[in-house]
All heavy atoms as atom14 arrays in JSON, in Angstrom:
{
  "sequence": "IETPFENPTQGAIIASGSTVEGSVDDDGLEFRVSGTITSISVTSSD",
  "atom14_mask": [
    [1, 1, 1, 1, 1, 1, 1, 1, 0, 0, 0, 0, 0, 0],
    [1, 1, 1, 1, 1, 1, 1, 1, 1, 0, 0, 0, 0, 0],
    [1, 1, 1, 1, 1, 1, 1, 0, 0, 0, 0, 0, 0, 0],
    [1, 1, 1, 1, 1, 1, 1, 0, 0, 0, 0, 0, 0, 0],
    [1, 1, 1, 1, 1, 1, 1, 1, 1, 1, 1, 0, 0, 0],
    [1, 1, 1, 1, 1, 1, 1, 1, 1, 0, 0, 0, 0, 0],
    [1, 1, 1, 1, 1, 1, 1, 1, 0, 0, 0, 0, 0, 0],
    [1, 1, 1, 1, 1, 1, 1, 0, 0, 0, 0, 0, 0, 0],
    [1, 1, 1, 1, 1, 1, 1, 0, 0, 0, 0, 0, 0, 0],
    [1, 1, 1, 1, 1, 1, 1, 1, 1, 0, 0, 0, 0, 0],
    [1, 1, 1, 1, 0, 0, 0, 0, 0, 0, 0, 0, 0, 0],
    [1, 1, 1, 1, 1, 0, 0, 0, 0, 0, 0, 0, 0, 0],
    [1, 1, 1, 1, 1, 1, 1, 1, 0, 0, 0, 0, 0, 0],
    [1, 1, 1, 1, 1, 1, 1, 1, 0, 0, 0, 0, 0, 0],
    [1, 1, 1, 1, 1, 0, 0, 0, 0, 0, 0, 0, 0, 0],
    [1, 1, 1, 1, 1, 1, 0, 0, 0, 0, 0, 0, 0, 0],
    [1, 1, 1, 1, 0, 0, 0, 0, 0, 0, 0, 0, 0, 0],
    [1, 1, 1, 1, 1, 1, 0, 0, 0, 0, 0, 0, 0, 0],
    [1, 1, 1, 1, 1, 1, 1, 0, 0, 0, 0, 0, 0, 0],
    [1, 1, 1, 1, 1, 1, 1, 0, 0, 0, 0, 0, 0, 0],
    [1, 1, 1, 1, 1, 1, 1, 1, 1, 0, 0, 0, 0, 0],
    [1, 1, 1, 1, 0, 0, 0, 0, 0, 0, 0, 0, 0, 0],
    [1, 1, 1, 1, 1, 1, 0, 0, 0, 0, 0, 0, 0, 0],
    [1, 1, 1, 1, 1, 1, 1, 0, 0, 0, 0, 0, 0, 0],
    [1, 1, 1, 1, 1, 1, 1, 1, 0, 0, 0, 0, 0, 0],
    [1, 1, 1, 1, 1, 1, 1, 1, 0, 0, 0, 0, 0, 0],
    [1, 1, 1, 1, 1, 1, 1, 1, 0, 0, 0, 0, 0, 0],
    [1, 1, 1, 1, 0, 0, 0, 0, 0, 0, 0, 0, 0, 0],
    [1, 1, 1, 1, 1, 1, 1, 1, 0, 0, 0, 0, 0, 0],
    [1, 1, 1, 1, 1, 1, 1, 1, 1, 0, 0, 0, 0, 0],
    [1, 1, 1, 1, 1, 1, 1, 1, 1, 1, 1, 0, 0, 0],
    [1, 1, 1, 1, 1, 1, 1, 1, 1, 1, 1, 0, 0, 0],
    [1, 1, 1, 1, 1, 1, 1, 0, 0, 0, 0, 0, 0, 0],
    [1, 1, 1, 1, 1, 1, 0, 0, 0, 0, 0, 0, 0, 0],
    [1, 1, 1, 1, 0, 0, 0, 0, 0, 0, 0, 0, 0, 0],
    [1, 1, 1, 1, 1, 1, 1, 0, 0, 0, 0, 0, 0, 0],
    [1, 1, 1, 1, 1, 1, 1, 1, 0, 0, 0, 0, 0, 0],
    [1, 1, 1, 1, 1, 1, 1, 0, 0, 0, 0, 0, 0, 0],
    [1, 1, 1, 1, 1, 1, 0, 0, 0, 0, 0, 0, 0, 0],
    [1, 1, 1, 1, 1, 1, 1, 1, 0, 0, 0, 0, 0, 0],
    [1, 1, 1, 1, 1, 1, 0, 0, 0, 0, 0, 0, 0, 0],
    [1, 1, 1, 1, 1, 1, 1, 0, 0, 0, 0, 0, 0, 0],
    [1, 1, 1, 1, 1, 1, 1, 0, 0, 0, 0, 0, 0, 0],
    [1, 1, 1, 1, 1, 1, 0, 0, 0, 0, 0, 0, 0, 0],
    [1, 1, 1, 1, 1, 1, 0, 0, 0, 0, 0, 0, 0, 0],
    [1, 1, 1, 1, 1, 1, 1, 1, 0, 0, 0, 0, 0, 0]
  ],
  "atom14_positions": [
    [[179.35, 110.84, 149.96], [178.64, 112.0, 149.41], [177.15, 111.7, 149.5], [176.72, 110.58, 149.21], [179.09, 112.32, 147.98], [178.5, 113.65, 147.5], [178.8, 111.18, 147.03], [179.16, 114.19, 146.25], [0.0, 0.0, 0.0], [0.0, 0.0, 0.0], [0.0, 0.0, 0.0], [0.0, 0.0, 0.0], [0.0, 0.0, 0.0], [0.0, 0.0, 0.0]],
    [[176.39, 112.67, 149.97], [174.95, 112.48, 150.1], [174.24, 113.78, 149.78], [174.84, 114.85, 149.8], [174.57, 111.98, 151.48], [175.01, 112.89, 152.59], [174.8, 112.29, 153.96], [174.94, 111.08, 154.14], [174.48, 113.08, 154.87], [0.0, 0.0, 0.0], [0.0, 0.0, 0.0], [0.0, 0.0, 0.0], [0.0, 0.0, 0.0], [0.0, 0.0, 0.0]],
    [[172.97, 113.68, 149.46], [172.17, 114.86, 149.17], [171.26, 115.15, 150.34], [170.7, 114.24, 150.94], [171.36, 114.66, 147.87], [170.56, 115.81, 147.66], [170.48, 113.44, 147.91], [0.0, 0.0, 0.0], [0.0, 0.0, 0.0], [0.0, 0.0, 0.0], [0.0, 0.0, 0.0], [0.0, 0.0, 0.0], [0.0, 0.0, 0.0], [0.0, 0.0, 0.0]],
    [[171.11, 116.41, 150.7], [170.23, 116.75, 151.81], [168.76, 116.86, 151.41], [167.91, 117.15, 152.24], [170.76, 118.12, 152.27], [171.34, 118.72, 151.04], [171.88, 117.56, 150.24], [0.0, 0.0, 0.0], [0.0, 0.0, 0.0], [0.0, 0.0, 0.0], [0.0, 0.0, 0.0], [0.0, 0.0, 0.0], [0.0, 0.0, 0.0], [0.0, 0.0, 0.0]],
    [[168.45, 116.62, 150.13], [167.07, 116.74, 149.66], [166.21, 115.59, 150.17], [166.7, 114.49, 150.38], [167.01, 116.77, 148.13], [167.77, 117.89, 147.51], [168.87, 117.65, 146.72], [167.41, 119.21, 147.75], [169.58, 118.68, 146.15], [168.11, 120.25, 147.19], [169.2, 119.98, 146.38], [0.0, 0.0, 0.0], [0.0, 0.0, 0.0], [0.0, 0.0, 0.0]],
    [[164.91, 115.86, 150.33], [163.98, 114.79, 150.68], [163.93, 113.75, 149.57], [163.79, 112.58, 149.82], [162.58, 115.36, 150.93], [162.47, 116.14, 152.21], [161.06, 116.64, 152.45], [160.11, 116.05, 151.91], [160.92, 117.63, 153.18], [0.0, 0.0, 0.0], [0.0, 0.0, 0.0], [0.0, 0.0, 0.0], [0.0, 0.0, 0.0], [0.0, 0.0, 0.0]],
    [[164.0, 114.2, 148.32], [164.01, 113.3, 147.18], [165.44, 113.22, 146.66], [165.88, 114.09, 145.92], [163.07, 113.81, 146.09], [163.06, 112.91, 144.87], [163.74, 111.89, 144.83], [162.29, 113.3, 143.88], [0.0, 0.0, 0.0], [0.0, 0.0, 0.0], [0.0, 0.0, 0.0], [0.0, 0.0, 0.0], [0.0, 0.0, 0.0], [0.0, 0.0, 0.0]],
    [[166.2, 112.19, 147.02], [167.62, 112.15, 146.68], [167.91, 112.04, 145.19], [169.03, 112.25, 144.77], [168.13, 110.93, 147.43], [166.94, 110.1, 147.7], [165.79, 111.05, 147.81], [0.0, 0.0, 0.0], [0.0, 0.0, 0.0], [0.0, 0.0, 0.0], [0.0, 0.0, 0.0], [0.0, 0.0, 0.0], [0.0, 0.0, 0.0], [0.0, 0.0, 0.0]],
    [[166.93, 111.75, 144.37], [167.18, 111.65, 142.93], [166.83, 112.93, 142.21], [166.77, 112.98, 141.0], [166.39, 110.48, 142.31], [164.99, 110.7, 142.52], [166.81, 109.15, 142.91], [0.0, 0.0, 0.0], [0.0, 0.0, 0.0], [0.0, 0.0, 0.0], [0.0, 0.0, 0.0], [0.0, 0.0, 0.0], [0.0, 0.0, 0.0], [0.0, 0.0, 0.0]],
    [[166.6, 114.0, 142.93], [166.24, 115.3, 142.37], [167.41, 115.88, 141.59], [168.2, 116.66, 142.09], [165.81, 116.24, 143.49], [165.34, 117.59, 143.02], [164.89, 118.43, 144.21], [164.8, 117.97, 145.33], [164.62, 119.67, 143.95], [0.0, 0.0, 0.0], [0.0, 0.0, 0.0], [0.0, 0.0, 0.0], [0.0, 0.0, 0.0], [0.0, 0.0, 0.0]],
    [[167.58, 115.44, 140.32], [168.64, 115.97, 139.46], [169.95, 115.23, 139.54], [170.85, 115.5, 138.77], [0.0, 0.0, 0.0], [0.0, 0.0, 0.0], [0.0, 0.0, 0.0], [0.0, 0.0, 0.0], [0.0, 0.0, 0.0], [0.0, 0.0, 0.0], [0.0, 0.0, 0.0], [0.0, 0.0, 0.0], [0.0, 0.0, 0.0], [0.0, 0.0, 0.0]],
    [[170.1, 114.3, 140.46], [171.37, 113.6, 140.61], [171.14, 112.16, 141.01], [170.15, 111.82, 141.64], [172.24, 114.29, 141.65], [0.0, 0.0, 0.0], [0.0, 0.0, 0.0], [0.0, 0.0, 0.0], [0.0, 0.0, 0.0], [0.0, 0.0, 0.0], [0.0, 0.0, 0.0], [0.0, 0.0, 0.0], [0.0, 0.0, 0.0], [0.0, 0.0, 0.0]],
    [[172.1, 111.32, 140.64], [172.07, 109.92, 141.02], [173.34, 109.63, 141.79], [174.44, 109.89, 141.29], [172.0, 109.01, 139.78], [170.71, 109.27, 139.0], [172.12, 107.55, 140.17], [170.66, 108.61, 137.65], [0.0, 0.0, 0.0], [0.0, 0.0, 0.0], [0.0, 0.0, 0.0], [0.0, 0.0, 0.0], [0.0, 0.0, 0.0], [0.0, 0.0, 0.0]],
    [[173.19, 109.13, 143.0], [174.36, 108.73, 143.75], [174.69, 107.31, 143.3], [173.99, 106.37, 143.62], [174.12, 108.82, 145.27], [173.87, 110.28, 145.65], [175.31, 108.24, 146.03], [173.58, 110.53, 147.1], [0.0, 0.0, 0.0], [0.0, 0.0, 0.0], [0.0, 0.0, 0.0], [0.0, 0.0, 0.0], [0.0, 0.0, 0.0], [0.0, 0.0, 0.0]],
    [[175.76, 107.21, 142.48], [176.12, 105.93, 141.87], [176.69, 104.96, 142.9], [176.54, 103.76, 142.78], [177.13, 106.17, 140.75], [0.0, 0.0, 0.0], [0.0, 0.0, 0.0], [0.0, 0.0, 0.0], [0.0, 0.0, 0.0], [0.0, 0.0, 0.0], [0.0, 0.0, 0.0], [0.0, 0.0, 0.0], [0.0, 0.0, 0.0], [0.0, 0.0, 0.0]],
    [[177.34, 105.48, 143.9], [177.83, 104.7, 145.03], [177.9, 105.66, 146.2], [177.55, 106.82, 146.06], [179.21, 104.11, 144.71], [180.18, 105.12, 144.69], [0.0, 0.0, 0.0], [0.0, 0.0, 0.0], [0.0, 0.0, 0.0], [0.0, 0.0, 0.0], [0.0, 0.0, 0.0], [0.0, 0.0, 0.0], [0.0, 0.0, 0.0], [0.0, 0.0, 0.0]],
    [[178.37, 105.21, 147.33], [178.47, 106.11, 148.47], [179.5, 107.2, 148.29], [179.54, 108.15, 149.05], [0.0, 0.0, 0.0], [0.0, 0.0, 0.0], [0.0, 0.0, 0.0], [0.0, 0.0, 0.0], [0.0, 0.0, 0.0], [0.0, 0.0, 0.0], [0.0, 0.0, 0.0], [0.0, 0.0, 0.0], [0.0, 0.0, 0.0], [0.0, 0.0, 0.0]],
    [[180.34, 107.07, 147.23], [181.41, 108.04, 147.04], [181.38, 108.74, 145.68], [182.25, 109.56, 145.41], [182.77, 107.36, 147.23], [182.94, 106.35, 146.26], [0.0, 0.0, 0.0], [0.0, 0.0, 0.0], [0.0, 0.0, 0.0], [0.0, 0.0, 0.0], [0.0, 0.0, 0.0], [0.0, 0.0, 0.0], [0.0, 0.0, 0.0], [0.0, 0.0, 0.0]],
    [[180.41, 108.44, 144.84], [180.31, 109.07, 143.51], [178.88, 109.5, 143.25], [177.94, 108.76, 143.53], [180.75, 108.1, 142.4], [182.1, 107.72, 142.63], [180.66, 108.73, 141.03], [0.0, 0.0, 0.0], [0.0, 0.0, 0.0], [0.0, 0.0, 0.0], [0.0, 0.0, 0.0], [0.0, 0.0, 0.0], [0.0, 0.0, 0.0], [0.0, 0.0, 0.0]],
    [[178.73, 110.7, 142.7], [177.42, 111.21, 142.31], [177.54, 111.72, 140.88], [178.57, 112.25, 140.48], [176.92, 112.3, 143.28], [177.8, 113.51, 143.24], [175.48, 112.68, 143.0], [0.0, 0.0, 0.0], [0.0, 0.0, 0.0], [0.0, 0.0, 0.0], [0.0, 0.0, 0.0], [0.0, 0.0, 0.0], [0.0, 0.0, 0.0], [0.0, 0.0, 0.0]],
    [[176.47, 111.53, 140.1], [176.46, 112.03, 138.73], [175.07, 112.51, 138.38], [174.1, 112.12, 139.02], [176.93, 110.95, 137.75], [176.11, 109.69, 137.8], [176.69, 108.57, 136.96], [177.91, 108.34, 137.03], [175.91, 107.94, 136.24], [0.0, 0.0, 0.0], [0.0, 0.0, 0.0], [0.0, 0.0, 0.0], [0.0, 0.0, 0.0], [0.0, 0.0, 0.0]],
    [[174.98, 113.36, 137.38], [173.68, 113.87, 136.98], [173.81, 115.04, 136.04], [174.85, 115.26, 135.42], [0.0, 0.0, 0.0], [0.0, 0.0, 0.0], [0.0, 0.0, 0.0], [0.0, 0.0, 0.0], [0.0, 0.0, 0.0], [0.0, 0.0, 0.0], [0.0, 0.0, 0.0], [0.0, 0.0, 0.0], [0.0, 0.0, 0.0], [0.0, 0.0, 0.0]],
    [[172.76, 115.81, 135.96], [172.7, 117.0, 135.12], [172.2, 118.15, 135.99], [171.36, 117.96, 136.86], [171.74, 116.76, 133.96], [171.69, 117.88, 133.13], [0.0, 0.0, 0.0], [0.0, 0.0, 0.0], [0.0, 0.0, 0.0], [0.0, 0.0, 0.0], [0.0, 0.0, 0.0], [0.0, 0.0, 0.0], [0.0, 0.0, 0.0], [0.0, 0.0, 0.0]],
    [[172.75, 119.33, 135.73], [172.4, 120.48, 136.54], [172.17, 121.69, 135.64], [172.75, 121.8, 134.57], [173.52, 120.76, 137.58], [174.79, 121.21, 136.92], [173.08, 121.73, 138.63], [0.0, 0.0, 0.0], [0.0, 0.0, 0.0], [0.0, 0.0, 0.0], [0.0, 0.0, 0.0], [0.0, 0.0, 0.0], [0.0, 0.0, 0.0], [0.0, 0.0, 0.0]],
    [[171.27, 122.57, 136.09], [171.02, 123.82, 135.36], [171.19, 124.96, 136.35], [171.85, 124.81, 137.37], [169.64, 123.81, 134.69], [168.52, 123.55, 135.67], [168.71, 123.75, 136.9], [167.43, 123.17, 135.23], [0.0, 0.0, 0.0], [0.0, 0.0, 0.0], [0.0, 0.0, 0.0], [0.0, 0.0, 0.0], [0.0, 0.0, 0.0], [0.0, 0.0, 0.0]],
    [[170.58, 126.09, 136.08], [170.79, 127.24, 136.95], [170.14, 127.09, 138.32], [170.39, 127.91, 139.21], [170.35, 128.54, 136.27], [168.9, 128.54, 135.83], [168.25, 127.48, 135.89], [168.42, 129.59, 135.39], [0.0, 0.0, 0.0], [0.0, 0.0, 0.0], [0.0, 0.0, 0.0], [0.0, 0.0, 0.0], [0.0, 0.0, 0.0], [0.0, 0.0, 0.0]],
    [[169.3, 126.07, 138.53], [168.72, 125.83, 139.86], [169.76, 125.32, 140.84], [169.7, 125.6, 142.02], [167.56, 124.84, 139.78], [166.33, 125.46, 139.15], [166.21, 126.71, 139.18], [165.51, 124.71, 138.6], [0.0, 0.0, 0.0], [0.0, 0.0, 0.0], [0.0, 0.0, 0.0], [0.0, 0.0, 0.0], [0.0, 0.0, 0.0], [0.0, 0.0, 0.0]],
    [[170.7, 124.55, 140.36], [171.79, 124.06, 141.2], [171.39, 122.9, 142.09], [170.22, 122.64, 142.32], [0.0, 0.0, 0.0], [0.0, 0.0, 0.0], [0.0, 0.0, 0.0], [0.0, 0.0, 0.0], [0.0, 0.0, 0.0], [0.0, 0.0, 0.0], [0.0, 0.0, 0.0], [0.0, 0.0, 0.0], [0.0, 0.0, 0.0], [0.0, 0.0, 0.0]],
    [[172.39, 122.19, 142.58], [172.24, 121.07, 143.49], [173.23, 121.23, 144.63], [174.27, 121.87, 144.48], [172.5, 119.74, 142.78], [171.53, 119.35, 141.67], [172.04, 118.13, 140.93], [170.15, 119.1, 142.25], [0.0, 0.0, 0.0], [0.0, 0.0, 0.0], [0.0, 0.0, 0.0], [0.0, 0.0, 0.0], [0.0, 0.0, 0.0], [0.0, 0.0, 0.0]],
    [[172.91, 120.6, 145.75], [173.73, 120.71, 146.95], [174.0, 119.32, 147.5], [173.11, 118.47, 147.51], [172.94, 121.53, 147.96], [173.63, 121.88, 149.21], [172.72, 122.73, 150.08], [172.36, 123.84, 149.66], [172.37, 122.26, 151.18], [0.0, 0.0, 0.0], [0.0, 0.0, 0.0], [0.0, 0.0, 0.0], [0.0, 0.0, 0.0], [0.0, 0.0, 0.0]],
    [[175.24, 119.1, 147.95], [175.61, 117.8, 148.51], [176.41, 118.01, 149.79], [177.07, 119.04, 149.97], [176.49, 117.01, 147.52], [175.8, 116.76, 146.22], [176.02, 117.6, 145.14], [174.92, 115.71, 146.07], [175.38, 117.39, 143.93], [174.28, 115.49, 144.87], [174.51, 116.33, 143.79], [0.0, 0.0, 0.0], [0.0, 0.0, 0.0], [0.0, 0.0, 0.0]],
    [[176.36, 117.02, 150.66], [177.22, 116.98, 151.84], [178.3, 115.94, 151.57], [178.0, 114.83, 151.16], [176.42, 116.61, 153.08], [175.5, 117.74, 153.5], [174.9, 117.5, 154.87], [173.93, 118.54, 155.14], [172.63, 118.34, 155.23], [172.13, 117.13, 155.08], [171.81, 119.34, 155.46], [0.0, 0.0, 0.0], [0.0, 0.0, 0.0], [0.0, 0.0, 0.0]],
    [[179.53, 116.33, 151.81], [180.68, 115.5, 151.47], [181.54, 115.3, 152.7], [181.87, 116.26, 153.39], [181.52, 116.18, 150.36], [182.76, 115.37, 150.06], [180.7, 116.39, 149.11], [0.0, 0.0, 0.0], [0.0, 0.0, 0.0], [0.0, 0.0, 0.0], [0.0, 0.0, 0.0], [0.0, 0.0, 0.0], [0.0, 0.0, 0.0], [0.0, 0.0, 0.0]],
    [[181.92, 114.04, 152.97], [182.94, 113.78, 153.99], [184.18, 113.28, 153.26], [184.09, 112.65, 152.21], [182.45, 112.75, 155.0], [182.33, 111.49, 154.4], [0.0, 0.0, 0.0], [0.0, 0.0, 0.0], [0.0, 0.0, 0.0], [0.0, 0.0, 0.0], [0.0, 0.0, 0.0], [0.0, 0.0, 0.0], [0.0, 0.0, 0.0], [0.0, 0.0, 0.0]],
    [[185.33, 113.59, 153.78], [186.56, 113.19, 153.12], [186.99, 114.25, 152.11], [186.54, 115.39, 152.14], [0.0, 0.0, 0.0], [0.0, 0.0, 0.0], [0.0, 0.0, 0.0], [0.0, 0.0, 0.0], [0.0, 0.0, 0.0], [0.0, 0.0, 0.0], [0.0, 0.0, 0.0], [0.0, 0.0, 0.0], [0.0, 0.0, 0.0], [0.0, 0.0, 0.0]],
    [[187.86, 113.86, 151.2], [188.43, 114.75, 150.21], [187.76, 114.55, 148.86], [187.5, 113.42, 148.46], [189.95, 114.46, 150.07], [190.57, 114.61, 151.35], [190.61, 115.39, 149.08], [0.0, 0.0, 0.0], [0.0, 0.0, 0.0], [0.0, 0.0, 0.0], [0.0, 0.0, 0.0], [0.0, 0.0, 0.0], [0.0, 0.0, 0.0], [0.0, 0.0, 0.0]],
    [[187.5, 115.64, 148.17], [186.95, 115.56, 146.81], [188.12, 115.2, 145.9], [189.11, 115.93, 145.82], [186.29, 116.88, 146.4], [185.11, 117.15, 147.35], [185.84, 116.84, 144.95], [184.6, 118.56, 147.33], [0.0, 0.0, 0.0], [0.0, 0.0, 0.0], [0.0, 0.0, 0.0], [0.0, 0.0, 0.0], [0.0, 0.0, 0.0], [0.0, 0.0, 0.0]],
    [[188.01, 114.07, 145.22], [189.12, 113.59, 144.4], [188.93, 113.87, 142.92], [189.9, 113.91, 142.17], [189.33, 112.08, 144.6], [188.13, 111.39, 144.26], [189.71, 111.77, 146.04], [0.0, 0.0, 0.0], [0.0, 0.0, 0.0], [0.0, 0.0, 0.0], [0.0, 0.0, 0.0], [0.0, 0.0, 0.0], [0.0, 0.0, 0.0], [0.0, 0.0, 0.0]],
    [[187.68, 114.09, 142.46], [187.45, 114.32, 141.04], [186.14, 115.07, 140.83], [185.12, 114.74, 141.44], [187.39, 112.97, 140.31], [187.03, 113.15, 138.96], [0.0, 0.0, 0.0], [0.0, 0.0, 0.0], [0.0, 0.0, 0.0], [0.0, 0.0, 0.0], [0.0, 0.0, 0.0], [0.0, 0.0, 0.0], [0.0, 0.0, 0.0], [0.0, 0.0, 0.0]],
    [[186.19, 116.09, 139.96], [184.99, 116.8, 139.52], [185.08, 116.89, 138.01], [186.04, 117.44, 137.47], [184.9, 118.23, 140.11], [184.86, 118.2, 141.64], [183.66, 118.94, 139.56], [184.93, 119.58, 142.28], [0.0, 0.0, 0.0], [0.0, 0.0, 0.0], [0.0, 0.0, 0.0], [0.0, 0.0, 0.0], [0.0, 0.0, 0.0], [0.0, 0.0, 0.0]],
    [[184.09, 116.33, 137.34], [184.05, 116.37, 135.88], [182.75, 117.04, 135.45], [181.67, 116.66, 135.91], [184.13, 114.95, 135.33], [183.93, 114.94, 133.94], [0.0, 0.0, 0.0], [0.0, 0.0, 0.0], [0.0, 0.0, 0.0], [0.0, 0.0, 0.0], [0.0, 0.0, 0.0], [0.0, 0.0, 0.0], [0.0, 0.0, 0.0], [0.0, 0.0, 0.0]],
    [[182.84, 118.05, 134.57], [181.65, 118.73, 134.06], [181.76, 118.81, 132.53], [182.85, 118.79, 131.97], [181.51, 120.15, 134.65], [181.27, 120.09, 136.15], [182.71, 121.02, 134.35], [0.0, 0.0, 0.0], [0.0, 0.0, 0.0], [0.0, 0.0, 0.0], [0.0, 0.0, 0.0], [0.0, 0.0, 0.0], [0.0, 0.0, 0.0], [0.0, 0.0, 0.0]],
    [[180.6, 118.9, 131.86], [180.6, 118.94, 130.4], [180.42, 120.33, 129.82], [180.44, 120.49, 128.62], [179.5, 118.02, 129.83], [178.23, 118.47, 130.31], [179.74, 116.58, 130.21], [0.0, 0.0, 0.0], [0.0, 0.0, 0.0], [0.0, 0.0, 0.0], [0.0, 0.0, 0.0], [0.0, 0.0, 0.0], [0.0, 0.0, 0.0], [0.0, 0.0, 0.0]],
    [[180.26, 121.33, 130.67], [180.03, 122.68, 130.18], [180.91, 123.67, 130.93], [181.06, 123.57, 132.16], [178.57, 123.08, 130.36], [178.38, 124.45, 130.1], [0.0, 0.0, 0.0], [0.0, 0.0, 0.0], [0.0, 0.0, 0.0], [0.0, 0.0, 0.0], [0.0, 0.0, 0.0], [0.0, 0.0, 0.0], [0.0, 0.0, 0.0], [0.0, 0.0, 0.0]],
    [[181.46, 124.62, 130.21], [182.25, 125.66, 130.87], [181.36, 126.61, 131.67], [181.86, 127.45, 132.42], [183.06, 126.44, 129.84], [182.2, 127.07, 128.91], [0.0, 0.0, 0.0], [0.0, 0.0, 0.0], [0.0, 0.0, 0.0], [0.0, 0.0, 0.0], [0.0, 0.0, 0.0], [0.0, 0.0, 0.0], [0.0, 0.0, 0.0], [0.0, 0.0, 0.0]],
    [[180.03, 126.48, 131.52], [179.09, 127.3, 132.29], [178.86, 126.75, 133.7], [178.18, 127.38, 134.5], [177.74, 127.39, 131.57], [177.8, 128.26, 130.33], [178.71, 129.11, 130.25], [176.95, 128.09, 129.45], [0.0, 0.0, 0.0], [0.0, 0.0, 0.0], [0.0, 0.0, 0.0], [0.0, 0.0, 0.0], [0.0, 0.0, 0.0], [0.0, 0.0, 0.0]]
  ]
}
């Protein structure tokens, strides 16, 4: 998983090559993913 942003820490931290974590608001974040998404965990129903 990788971010296409010039600044890869813009709202997210890639904890390893296969896990990303962070906080998001209505601006949103975008990632490029290879392989299968195995887990998505969020703290808000929004």
